[in-house]
PDB file of N, CA and C in Angstrom:
ATOM      1  N   MET A   1      17.025   0.137 -20.160  1.00  0.00           N
ATOM      2  CA  MET A   1      17.263  -0.348 -18.623  1.00  0.00           C
ATOM      3  C   MET A   1      16.856  -1.804 -18.415  1.00  0.00           C
ATOM      4  N   THR A   2      15.602  -2.213 -18.868  1.00  0.00           N
ATOM      5  CA  THR A   2      15.415  -3.683 -18.918  1.00  0.00           C
ATOM      6  C   THR A   2      16.179  -4.405 -19.576  1.00  0.00           C
ATOM      7  N   GLN A   3      16.262  -4.277 -20.772  1.00  0.00           N
ATOM      8  CA  GLN A   3      17.181  -5.042 -21.639  1.00  0.00           C
ATOM      9  C   GLN A   3      18.660  -5.082 -21.176  1.00  0.00           C
ATOM     10  N   THR A   4      19.231  -4.063 -20.675  1.00  0.00           N
ATOM     11  CA  THR A   4      20.443  -4.226 -19.942  1.00  0.00           C
ATOM     12  C   THR A   4      20.547  -5.059 -18.730  1.00  0.00           C
ATOM     13  N   ALA A   5      19.287  -5.090 -17.942  1.00  0.00           N
ATOM     14  CA  ALA A   5      19.359  -5.771 -16.816  1.00  0.00           C
ATOM     15  C   ALA A   5      19.284  -7.314 -17.099  1.00  0.00           C
ATOM     16  N   PHE A   6      18.522  -7.505 -18.157  1.00  0.00           N
ATOM     17  CA  PHE A   6      18.096  -8.747 -18.699  1.00  0.00           C
ATOM     18  C   PHE A   6      19.413  -9.475 -19.059  1.00  0.00           C
ATOM     19  N   LEU A   7      20.284  -8.685 -19.851  1.00  0.00           N
ATOM     20  CA  LEU A   7      21.423  -9.079 -20.509  1.00  0.00           C
ATOM     21  C   LEU A   7      22.536  -9.214 -19.534  1.00  0.00           C
ATOM     22  N   ASN A   8      22.680  -8.459 -18.429  1.00  0.00           N
ATOM     23  CA  ASN A   8      23.889  -8.153 -17.594  1.00  0.00           C
ATOM     24  C   ASN A   8      23.324  -7.939 -16.136  1.00  0.00           C
ATOM     25  N   PRO A   9      22.715  -8.857 -15.495  1.00  0.00           N
ATOM     26  CA  PRO A   9      22.182  -8.467 -14.120  1.00  0.00           C
ATOM     27  C   PRO A   9      22.752  -7.645 -13.055  1.00  0.00           C
ATOM     28  N   SER A  10      24.079  -7.829 -13.171  1.00  0.00           N
ATOM     29  CA  SER A  10      24.967  -7.177 -12.236  1.00  0.00           C
ATOM     30  C   SER A  10      24.908  -5.699 -12.439  1.00  0.00           C
ATOM     31  N   ASP A  11      24.571  -5.252 -13.675  1.00  0.00           N
ATOM     32  CA  ASP A  11      24.610  -3.901 -13.999  1.00  0.00           C
ATOM     33  C   ASP A  11      23.071  -3.352 -13.414  1.00  0.00           C
ATOM     34  N   ALA A  12      22.161  -3.908 -13.224  1.00  0.00           N
ATOM     35  CA  ALA A  12      20.887  -3.663 -12.738  1.00  0.00           C
ATOM     36  C   ALA A  12      20.879  -2.816 -11.370  1.00  0.00           C
ATOM     37  N   VAL A  13      20.150  -1.921 -11.553  1.00  0.00           N
ATOM     38  CA  VAL A  13      19.960  -0.976 -10.451  1.00  0.00           C
ATOM     39  C   VAL A  13      18.656  -1.605  -9.498  1.00  0.00           C
ATOM     40  N   VAL A  14      18.815  -2.154  -8.349  1.00  0.00           N
ATOM     41  CA  VAL A  14      17.863  -2.597  -7.693  1.00  0.00           C
ATOM     42  C   VAL A  14      17.393  -1.382  -6.343  1.00  0.00           C
ATOM     43  N   SER A  15      16.207  -1.196  -6.488  1.00  0.00           N
ATOM     44  CA  SER A  15      15.744  -0.166  -5.516  1.00  0.00           C
ATOM     45  C   SER A  15      14.386  -0.628  -5.088  1.00  0.00           C
ATOM     46  N   THR A  16      14.244  -0.327  -3.711  1.00  0.00           N
ATOM     47  CA  THR A  16      12.839  -0.797  -3.226  1.00  0.00           C
ATOM     48  C   THR A  16      12.274   0.686  -2.725  1.00  0.00           C
ATOM     49  N   HIS A  17      12.689   1.660  -3.138  1.00  0.00           N
ATOM     50  CA  HIS A  17      12.494   3.196  -2.819  1.00  0.00           C
ATOM     51  C   HIS A  17      12.652   3.924  -4.108  1.00  0.00           C
ATOM     52  N   ALA A  18      11.456   4.342  -4.804  1.00  0.00           N
ATOM     53  CA  ALA A  18      11.965   5.154  -6.019  1.00  0.00           C
ATOM     54  C   ALA A  18      10.889   6.355  -6.125  1.00  0.00           C
ATOM     55  N   GLY A  19      11.682   7.493  -6.336  1.00  0.00           N
ATOM     56  CA  GLY A  19      10.918   8.530  -6.401  1.00  0.00           C
ATOM     57  C   GLY A  19       9.639   8.996  -7.393  1.00  0.00           C
ATOM     58  N   THR A  20       8.949   9.597  -7.237  1.00  0.00           N
ATOM     59  CA  THR A  20       7.866   9.974  -7.885  1.00  0.00           C
ATOM     60  C   THR A  20       7.458  11.493  -8.061  1.00  0.00           C
ATOM     61  N   ILE A  21       6.717  11.944  -8.742  1.00  0.00           N
ATOM     62  CA  ILE A  21       6.466  13.179  -8.852  1.00  0.00           C
ATOM     63  C   ILE A  21       5.631  13.760  -7.806  1.00  0.00           C
ATOM     64  N   ALA A  22       4.919  12.876  -7.013  1.00  0.00           N
ATOM     65  CA  ALA A  22       4.024  13.380  -5.846  1.00  0.00           C
ATOM     66  C   ALA A  22       5.149  13.170  -4.752  1.00  0.00           C
ATOM     67  N   GLY A  23       6.304  12.582  -4.708  1.00  0.00           N
ATOM     68  CA  GLY A  23       7.096  12.424  -3.568  1.00  0.00           C
ATOM     69  C   GLY A  23       7.604  11.212  -3.521  1.00  0.00           C
ATOM     70  N   ASP A  24       8.335  10.690  -2.490  1.00  0.00           N
ATOM     71  CA  ASP A  24       8.784   9.192  -2.526  1.00  0.00           C
ATOM     72  C   ASP A  24       7.719   8.136  -2.405  1.00  0.00           C
ATOM     73  N   ARG A  25       8.180   7.196  -2.970  1.00  0.00           N
ATOM     74  CA  ARG A  25       7.218   5.795  -2.917  1.00  0.00           C
ATOM     75  C   ARG A  25       7.968   4.547  -2.405  1.00  0.00           C
ATOM     76  N   PHE A  26       7.067   3.831  -1.810  1.00  0.00           N
ATOM     77  CA  PHE A  26       7.989   2.678  -1.173  1.00  0.00           C
ATOM     78  C   PHE A  26       7.149   1.440  -1.931  1.00  0.00           C
ATOM     79  N   GLN A  27       7.754   0.834  -3.008  1.00  0.00           N
ATOM     80  CA  GLN A  27       7.459  -0.129  -3.837  1.00  0.00           C
ATOM     81  C   GLN A  27       7.099  -1.331  -2.891  1.00  0.00           C
ATOM     82  N   VAL A  28       8.187  -1.718  -2.266  1.00  0.00           N
ATOM     83  CA  VAL A  28       7.708  -3.100  -1.499  1.00  0.00           C
ATOM     84  C   VAL A  28       6.611  -2.780  -0.457  1.00  0.00           C
ATOM     85  N   LEU A  29       6.316  -1.617   0.179  1.00  0.00           N
ATOM     86  CA  LEU A  29       5.131  -1.471   0.894  1.00  0.00           C
ATOM     87  C   LEU A  29       3.713  -1.634  -0.048  1.00  0.00           C
ATOM     88  N   ASP A  30       3.880  -1.095  -1.132  1.00  0.00           N
ATOM     89  CA  ASP A  30       2.812  -0.974  -2.197  1.00  0.00           C
ATOM     90  C   ASP A  30       2.587  -2.615  -2.430  1.00  0.00           C
ATOM     91  N   SER A  31       3.702  -3.402  -2.795  1.00  0.00           N
ATOM     92  CA  SER A  31       3.309  -4.774  -2.824  1.00  0.00           C
ATOM     93  C   SER A  31       2.697  -5.366  -1.678  1.00  0.00           C
ATOM     94  N   TRP A  32       3.100  -5.010  -0.589  1.00  0.00           N
ATOM     95  CA  TRP A  32       2.431  -5.901   0.688  1.00  0.00           C
ATOM     96  C   TRP A  32       1.085  -5.281   0.839  1.00  0.00           C
ATOM     97  N   ARG A  33       0.678  -4.171   0.492  1.00  0.00           N
ATOM     98  CA  ARG A  33      -0.428  -3.677   0.688  1.00  0.00           C
ATOM     99  C   ARG A  33      -1.568  -4.419  -0.511  1.00  0.00           C
ATOM    100  N   GLY A  34      -0.986  -4.533  -1.589  1.00  0.00           N
ATOM    101  CA  GLY A  34      -1.640  -5.400  -2.624  1.00  0.00           C
ATOM    102  C   GLY A  34      -1.865  -6.644  -2.156  1.00  0.00           C
ATOM    103  N   ILE A  35      -0.724  -7.475  -1.669  1.00  0.00           N
ATOM    104  CA  ILE A  35      -1.113  -8.678  -1.233  1.00  0.00           C
ATOM    105  C   ILE A  35      -2.134  -8.758   0.118  1.00  0.00           C
ATOM    106  N   CYS A  36      -2.211  -7.953   0.815  1.00  0.00           N
ATOM    107  CA  CYS A  36      -3.025  -7.788   2.009  1.00  0.00           C
ATOM    108  C   CYS A  36      -4.542  -7.700   1.479  1.00  0.00           C
ATOM    109  N   ALA A  37      -4.505  -6.710   0.534  1.00  0.00           N
ATOM    110  CA  ALA A  37      -5.920  -6.686  -0.111  1.00  0.00           C
ATOM    111  C   ALA A  37      -6.471  -7.781  -0.841  1.00  0.00           C
ATOM    112  N   LEU A  38      -5.471  -8.639  -1.614  1.00  0.00           N
ATOM    113  CA  LEU A  38      -5.801  -9.878  -2.451  1.00  0.00           C
ATOM    114  C   LEU A  38      -6.317 -10.906  -1.517  1.00  0.00           C
ATOM    115  N   LEU A  39      -5.660 -10.940  -0.293  1.00  0.00           N
ATOM    116  CA  LEU A  39      -5.785 -12.127   0.773  1.00  0.00           C
ATOM    117  C   LEU A  39      -7.417 -11.839   1.639  1.00  0.00           C
ATOM    118  N   VAL A  40      -7.564 -10.395   1.489  1.00  0.00           N
ATOM    119  CA  VAL A  40      -8.816  -9.948   2.265  1.00  0.00           C
ATOM    120  C   VAL A  40      -9.947 -10.352   1.292  1.00  0.00           C
ATOM    121  N   THR A  41      -9.704 -10.116   0.038  1.00  0.00           N
ATOM    122  CA  THR A  41     -10.570 -10.383  -0.988  1.00  0.00           C
ATOM    123  C   THR A  41     -10.988 -11.841  -1.057  1.00  0.00           C
ATOM    124  N   LEU A  42     -10.023 -12.922  -1.318  1.00  0.00           N
ATOM    125  CA  LEU A  42     -10.196 -14.038  -1.045  1.00  0.00           C
ATOM    126  C   LEU A  42     -10.842 -14.835   0.178  1.00  0.00           C
ATOM    127  N   PHE A  43     -10.490 -14.029   1.236  1.00  0.00           N
ATOM    128  CA  PHE A  43     -11.421 -14.266   2.450  1.00  0.00           C
ATOM    129  C   PHE A  43     -13.136 -14.043   2.294  1.00  0.00           C
ATOM    130  N   HIS A  44     -13.309 -13.133   1.389  1.00  0.00           N
ATOM    131  CA  HIS A  44     -14.779 -12.745   1.248  1.00  0.00           C
ATOM    132  C   HIS A  44     -15.144 -13.222   0.235  1.00  0.00           C
ATOM    133  N   PHE A  45     -14.484 -14.060  -0.657  1.00  0.00           N
ATOM    134  CA  PHE A  45     -15.074 -14.545  -1.972  1.00  0.00           C
ATOM    135  C   PHE A  45     -15.699 -16.041  -1.518  1.00  0.00           C
ATOM    136  N   PRO A  46     -16.939 -16.164  -2.003  1.00  0.00           N
ATOM    137  CA  PRO A  46     -17.837 -17.165  -1.550  1.00  0.00           C
ATOM    138  C   PRO A  46     -17.842 -18.457  -2.350  1.00  0.00           C
ATOM    139  N   THR A  47     -16.741 -19.270  -1.932  1.00  0.00           N
ATOM    140  CA  THR A  47     -16.640 -20.351  -2.753  1.00  0.00           C
ATOM    141  C   THR A  47     -16.318 -21.541  -1.752  1.00  0.00           C
ATOM    142  N   SER A  48     -16.217 -22.691  -2.080  1.00  0.00           N
ATOM    143  CA  SER A  48     -15.944 -24.038  -1.488  1.00  0.00           C
ATOM    144  C   SER A  48     -14.855 -24.838  -1.938  1.00  0.00           C
ATOM    145  N   SER A  49     -13.988 -24.269  -2.536  1.00  0.00           N
ATOM    146  CA  SER A  49     -12.762 -24.780  -3.018  1.00  0.00           C
ATOM    147  C   SER A  49     -11.784 -24.904  -2.090  1.00  0.00           C
ATOM    148  N   ALA A  50     -10.708 -25.783  -2.350  1.00  0.00           N
ATOM    149  CA  ALA A  50      -9.529 -26.015  -1.237  1.00  0.00           C
ATOM    150  C   ALA A  50      -8.831 -24.710  -0.787  1.00  0.00           C
ATOM    151  N   ILE A  51      -8.634 -23.772  -1.802  1.00  0.00           N
ATOM    152  CA  ILE A  51      -7.968 -22.405  -1.497  1.00  0.00           C
ATOM    153  C   ILE A  51      -8.925 -21.857  -0.520  1.00  0.00           C
ATOM    154  N   SER A  52      -9.800 -21.428  -0.693  1.00  0.00           N
ATOM    155  CA  SER A  52     -10.744 -20.489   0.407  1.00  0.00           C
ATOM    156  C   SER A  52     -10.976 -21.345   1.656  1.00  0.00           C
ATOM    157  N   GLN A  53     -11.106 -22.790   1.504  1.00  0.00           N
ATOM    158  CA  GLN A  53     -11.451 -23.425   2.885  1.00  0.00           C
ATOM    159  C   GLN A  53     -10.090 -23.632   3.587  1.00  0.00           C
ATOM    160  N   SER A  54      -8.861 -23.223   3.352  1.00  0.00           N
ATOM    161  CA  SER A  54      -7.668 -23.269   3.873  1.00  0.00           C
ATOM    162  C   SER A  54      -7.648 -22.421   5.270  1.00  0.00           C
ATOM    163  N   SER A  55      -6.885 -22.673   6.178  1.00  0.00           N
ATOM    164  CA  SER A  55      -6.855 -21.911   7.352  1.00  0.00           C
ATOM    165  C   SER A  55      -6.104 -20.640   7.108  1.00  0.00           C
ATOM    166  N   PHE A  56      -5.401 -20.589   6.279  1.00  0.00           N
ATOM    167  CA  PHE A  56      -4.572 -19.343   6.041  1.00  0.00           C
ATOM    168  C   PHE A  56      -5.344 -18.246   5.366  1.00  0.00           C
ATOM    169  N   ILE A  57      -6.382 -18.798   4.454  1.00  0.00           N
ATOM    170  CA  ILE A  57      -7.455 -17.692   3.788  1.00  0.00           C
ATOM    171  C   ILE A  57      -8.597 -17.541   4.849  1.00  0.00           C
ATOM    172  N   GLY A  58      -8.709 -18.505   5.890  1.00  0.00           N
ATOM    173  CA  GLY A  58      -9.600 -18.114   6.774  1.00  0.00           C
ATOM    174  C   GLY A  58      -9.332 -17.008   7.876  1.00  0.00           C
ATOM    175  N   SER A  59      -7.987 -17.282   7.918  1.00  0.00           N
ATOM    176  CA  SER A  59      -7.526 -16.221   8.844  1.00  0.00           C
ATOM    177  C   SER A  59      -6.970 -14.955   8.229  1.00  0.00           C
ATOM    178  N   SER A  60      -7.312 -14.689   6.988  1.00  0.00           N
ATOM    179  CA  SER A  60      -6.580 -13.547   6.412  1.00  0.00           C
ATOM    180  C   SER A  60      -7.544 -12.353   6.616  1.00  0.00           C
ATOM    181  N   TYR A  61      -8.487 -12.315   7.371  1.00  0.00           N
ATOM    182  CA  TYR A  61      -9.171 -10.930   7.768  1.00  0.00           C
ATOM    183  C   TYR A  61      -8.268 -10.250   8.751  1.00  0.00           C
ATOM    184  N   LEU A  62      -7.098 -10.944   9.161  1.00  0.00           N
ATOM    185  CA  LEU A  62      -6.045 -10.302   9.996  1.00  0.00           C
ATOM    186  C   LEU A  62      -5.181  -9.239   8.974  1.00  0.00           C
ATOM    187  N   PHE A  63      -5.235  -9.523   7.885  1.00  0.00           N
ATOM    188  CA  PHE A  63      -4.558  -8.775   6.898  1.00  0.00           C
ATOM    189  C   PHE A  63      -5.182  -7.453   6.724  1.00  0.00           C
ATOM    190  N   VAL A  64      -6.113  -7.058   7.323  1.00  0.00           N
ATOM    191  CA  VAL A  64      -6.928  -5.690   7.457  1.00  0.00           C
ATOM    192  C   VAL A  64      -6.199  -4.787   8.069  1.00  0.00           C
ATOM    193  N   ASP A  65      -5.852  -5.361   9.517  1.00  0.00           N
ATOM    194  CA  ASP A  65      -5.052  -4.550  10.148  1.00  0.00           C
ATOM    195  C   ASP A  65      -3.703  -4.209   9.657  1.00  0.00           C
ATOM    196  N   PHE A  66      -3.129  -5.137   9.185  1.00  0.00           N
ATOM    197  CA  PHE A  66      -1.657  -4.922   8.450  1.00  0.00           C
ATOM    198  C   PHE A  66      -1.820  -3.835   7.341  1.00  0.00           C
ATOM    199  N   PHE A  67      -2.881  -3.918   6.508  1.00  0.00           N
ATOM    200  CA  PHE A  67      -3.162  -3.111   5.591  1.00  0.00           C
ATOM    201  C   PHE A  67      -3.198  -1.521   5.895  1.00  0.00           C
ATOM    202  N   PHE A  68      -4.019  -1.506   7.059  1.00  0.00           N
ATOM    203  CA  PHE A  68      -4.146  -0.168   7.638  1.00  0.00           C
ATOM    204  C   PHE A  68      -2.971   0.421   8.125  1.00  0.00           C
ATOM    205  N   VAL A  69      -2.299  -0.161   9.040  1.00  0.00           N
ATOM    206  CA  VAL A  69      -0.884  -0.092   9.454  1.00  0.00           C
ATOM    207  C   VAL A  69      -0.125   0.538   8.450  1.00  0.00           C
ATOM    208  N   LEU A  70       0.091  -0.192   7.201  1.00  0.00           N
ATOM    209  CA  LEU A  70       1.135   0.076   6.110  1.00  0.00           C
ATOM    210  C   LEU A  70       0.444   1.426   5.526  1.00  0.00           C
ATOM    211  N   SER A  71      -0.877   1.337   5.442  1.00  0.00           N
ATOM    212  CA  SER A  71      -1.236   2.710   4.667  1.00  0.00           C
ATOM    213  C   SER A  71      -1.119   3.895   5.817  1.00  0.00           C
ATOM    214  N   GLY A  72      -1.446   3.677   6.935  1.00  0.00           N
ATOM    215  CA  GLY A  72      -1.124   4.862   7.810  1.00  0.00           C
ATOM    216  C   GLY A  72       0.887   5.133   7.710  1.00  0.00           C
ATOM    217  N   PHE A  73       1.516   4.491   7.701  1.00  0.00           N
ATOM    218  CA  PHE A  73       2.931   4.657   7.637  1.00  0.00           C
ATOM    219  C   PHE A  73       3.197   5.318   6.044  1.00  0.00           C
ATOM    220  N   VAL A  74       2.506   5.009   5.012  1.00  0.00           N
ATOM    221  CA  VAL A  74       2.709   5.613   3.697  1.00  0.00           C
ATOM    222  C   VAL A  74       2.082   6.852   3.721  1.00  0.00           C
ATOM    223  N   ILE A  75       1.081   7.033   4.391  1.00  0.00           N
ATOM    224  CA  ILE A  75       0.222   8.384   4.290  1.00  0.00           C
ATOM    225  C   ILE A  75       1.239   9.500   5.106  1.00  0.00           C
ATOM    226  N   ALA A  76       1.810   8.994   6.494  1.00  0.00           N
ATOM    227  CA  ALA A  76       2.625  10.048   7.399  1.00  0.00           C
ATOM    228  C   ALA A  76       3.751  10.189   6.685  1.00  0.00           C
ATOM    229  N   SER A  77       4.468   9.249   6.091  1.00  0.00           N
ATOM    230  CA  SER A  77       5.786   9.496   5.261  1.00  0.00           C
ATOM    231  C   SER A  77       5.537  10.478   4.322  1.00  0.00           C
ATOM    232  N   SER A  78       4.283  10.330   3.377  1.00  0.00           N
ATOM    233  CA  SER A  78       4.076  11.246   2.546  1.00  0.00           C
ATOM    234  C   SER A  78       3.819  12.727   2.769  1.00  0.00           C
ATOM    235  N   TYR A  79       3.115  12.579   3.952  1.00  0.00           N
ATOM    236  CA  TYR A  79       2.820  14.204   4.297  1.00  0.00           C
ATOM    237  C   TYR A  79       3.632  14.683   5.457  1.00  0.00           C
ATOM    238  N   ALA A  80       4.685  13.979   5.866  1.00  0.00           N
ATOM    239  CA  ALA A  80       5.359  14.777   6.825  1.00  0.00           C
ATOM    240  C   ALA A  80       6.197  15.887   6.521  1.00  0.00           C
ATOM    241  N   ASN A  81       6.549  16.221   5.538  1.00  0.00           N
ATOM    242  CA  ASN A  81       7.187  17.781   5.397  1.00  0.00           C
ATOM    243  C   ASN A  81       6.120  18.598   5.387  1.00  0.00           C
ATOM    244  N   ARG A  82       5.157  18.312   4.645  1.00  0.00           N
ATOM    245  CA  ARG A  82       3.783  19.149   4.475  1.00  0.00           C
ATOM    246  C   ARG A  82       3.283  19.494   5.573  1.00  0.00           C
ATOM    247  N   LEU A  83       2.949  18.714   6.597  1.00  0.00           N
ATOM    248  CA  LEU A  83       2.373  19.001   7.521  1.00  0.00           C
ATOM    249  C   LEU A  83       2.991  20.119   8.828  1.00  0.00           C
ATOM    250  N   GLY A  84       4.230  20.170   8.749  1.00  0.00           N
ATOM    251  CA  GLY A  84       5.088  21.186   9.461  1.00  0.00           C
ATOM    252  C   GLY A  84       4.667  22.567   9.289  1.00  0.00           C
ATOM    253  N   ARG A  85       3.823  23.086   7.778  1.00  0.00           N
ATOM    254  CA  ARG A  85       3.663  24.370   7.868  1.00  0.00           C
ATOM    255  C   ARG A  85       2.297  24.539   8.256  1.00  0.00           C
ATOM    256  N   PRO A  86       2.023  26.085   8.683  1.00  0.00           N
ATOM    257  CA  PRO A  86       0.599  26.506   9.440  1.00  0.00           C
ATOM    258  C   PRO A  86      -0.182  26.265   8.558  1.00  0.00           C
ATOM    259  N   GLY A  87      -1.301  25.704   8.824  1.00  0.00           N
ATOM    260  CA  GLY A  87      -2.425  25.680   8.140  1.00  0.00           C
ATOM    261  C   GLY A  87      -2.669  24.296   7.453  1.00  0.00           C
ATOM    262  N   GLU A  88      -1.480  23.517   7.307  1.00  0.00           N
ATOM    263  CA  GLU A  88      -1.629  22.298   6.301  1.00  0.00           C
ATOM    264  C   GLU A  88      -2.245  21.367   6.883  1.00  0.00           C
ATOM    265  N   VAL A  89      -2.212  21.212   8.370  1.00  0.00           N
ATOM    266  CA  VAL A  89      -2.903  20.110   9.268  1.00  0.00           C
ATOM    267  C   VAL A  89      -4.617  20.139   8.954  1.00  0.00           C
ATOM    268  N   THR A  90      -5.032  21.605   9.172  1.00  0.00           N
ATOM    269  CA  THR A  90      -6.477  21.588   8.867  1.00  0.00           C
ATOM    270  C   THR A  90      -6.828  21.260   7.153  1.00  0.00           C
ATOM    271  N   ARG A  91      -5.873  21.690   6.526  1.00  0.00           N
ATOM    272  CA  ARG A  91      -6.051  21.226   5.016  1.00  0.00           C
ATOM    273  C   ARG A  91      -6.173  19.861   4.827  1.00  0.00           C
ATOM    274  N   PHE A  92      -5.484  19.035   5.637  1.00  0.00           N
ATOM    275  CA  PHE A  92      -5.137  17.781   5.388  1.00  0.00           C
ATOM    276  C   PHE A  92      -6.118  17.101   5.832  1.00  0.00           C
ATOM    277  N   ALA A  93      -6.592  17.376   6.949  1.00  0.00           N
ATOM    278  CA  ALA A  93      -7.947  16.858   7.587  1.00  0.00           C
ATOM    279  C   ALA A  93      -9.225  16.907   6.940  1.00  0.00           C
ATOM    280  N   LEU A  94      -9.291  18.181   6.340  1.00  0.00           N
ATOM    281  CA  LEU A  94     -10.331  18.414   5.428  1.00  0.00           C
ATOM    282  C   LEU A  94     -10.612  17.537   4.179  1.00  0.00           C
ATOM    283  N   VAL A  95      -9.334  17.357   3.597  1.00  0.00           N
ATOM    284  CA  VAL A  95      -9.011  16.988   2.317  1.00  0.00           C
ATOM    285  C   VAL A  95      -9.328  15.226   2.636  1.00  0.00           C
ATOM    286  N   ARG A  96      -8.782  14.842   3.850  1.00  0.00           N
ATOM    287  CA  ARG A  96      -8.986  13.128   4.246  1.00  0.00           C
ATOM    288  C   ARG A  96     -10.390  12.996   4.480  1.00  0.00           C
ATOM    289  N   PHE A  97     -11.033  13.652   5.179  1.00  0.00           N
ATOM    290  CA  PHE A  97     -12.570  13.761   5.592  1.00  0.00           C
ATOM    291  C   PHE A  97     -13.472  13.829   4.024  1.00  0.00           C
ATOM    292  N   GLY A  98     -13.118  14.513   3.459  1.00  0.00           N
ATOM    293  CA  GLY A  98     -13.693  14.550   2.092  1.00  0.00           C
ATOM    294  C   GLY A  98     -13.682  13.421   1.299  1.00  0.00           C
ATOM    295  N   ARG A  99     -12.697  12.818   1.174  1.00  0.00           N
ATOM    296  CA  ARG A  99     -12.306  11.778   0.294  1.00  0.00           C
ATOM    297  C   ARG A  99     -12.958  10.343   1.207  1.00  0.00           C
ATOM    298  N   ILE A 100     -12.779  10.366   2.403  1.00  0.00           N
ATOM    299  CA  ILE A 100     -13.760   9.403   3.312  1.00  0.00           C
ATOM    300  C   ILE A 100     -15.163   9.610   3.221  1.00  0.00           C
ATOM    301  N   TYR A 101     -15.696  10.664   3.119  1.00  0.00           N
ATOM    302  CA  TYR A 101     -17.038  11.184   3.029  1.00  0.00           C
ATOM    303  C   TYR A 101     -17.609  10.799   1.921  1.00  0.00           C
ATOM    304  N   ARG A 102     -16.903  10.946   0.584  1.00  0.00           N
ATOM    305  CA  ARG A 102     -17.337  10.757  -0.812  1.00  0.00           C
ATOM    306  C   ARG A 102     -17.675   9.260  -1.032  1.00  0.00           C
ATOM    307  N   ILE A 103     -16.697   8.262  -0.417  1.00  0.00           N
ATOM    308  CA  ILE A 103     -17.009   6.988  -0.467  1.00  0.00           C
ATOM    309  C   ILE A 103     -18.426   6.700   0.147  1.00  0.00           C
ATOM    310  N   TRP A 104     -18.612   7.161   1.053  1.00  0.00           N
ATOM    311  CA  TRP A 104     -19.878   6.550   1.958  1.00  0.00           C
ATOM    312  C   TRP A 104     -20.995   7.263   0.999  1.00  0.00           C
TER     313      TRP A 104
END
């Protein structure tokens, strides 16, 4: 596929939404989540370089909110079909709480 796409770009299949075993995955949103995480990391990185002193990096704490909104959308779309079944909401809440509790 890669070689074919390289040799003849018109035959390449371009998709921002690819299926996985766990369900549908939004590749563009994953990219944005990565960009947000990188910018927040640069915000917290203690240097005195021109990059870290720029106003864009100085305001990149705002990307935390964007990251959480994107994550909420991805989680909601991932679990939308499963949460309609009886007992799944309770299971979902317990699993999410367990993941958060394990971090702390």
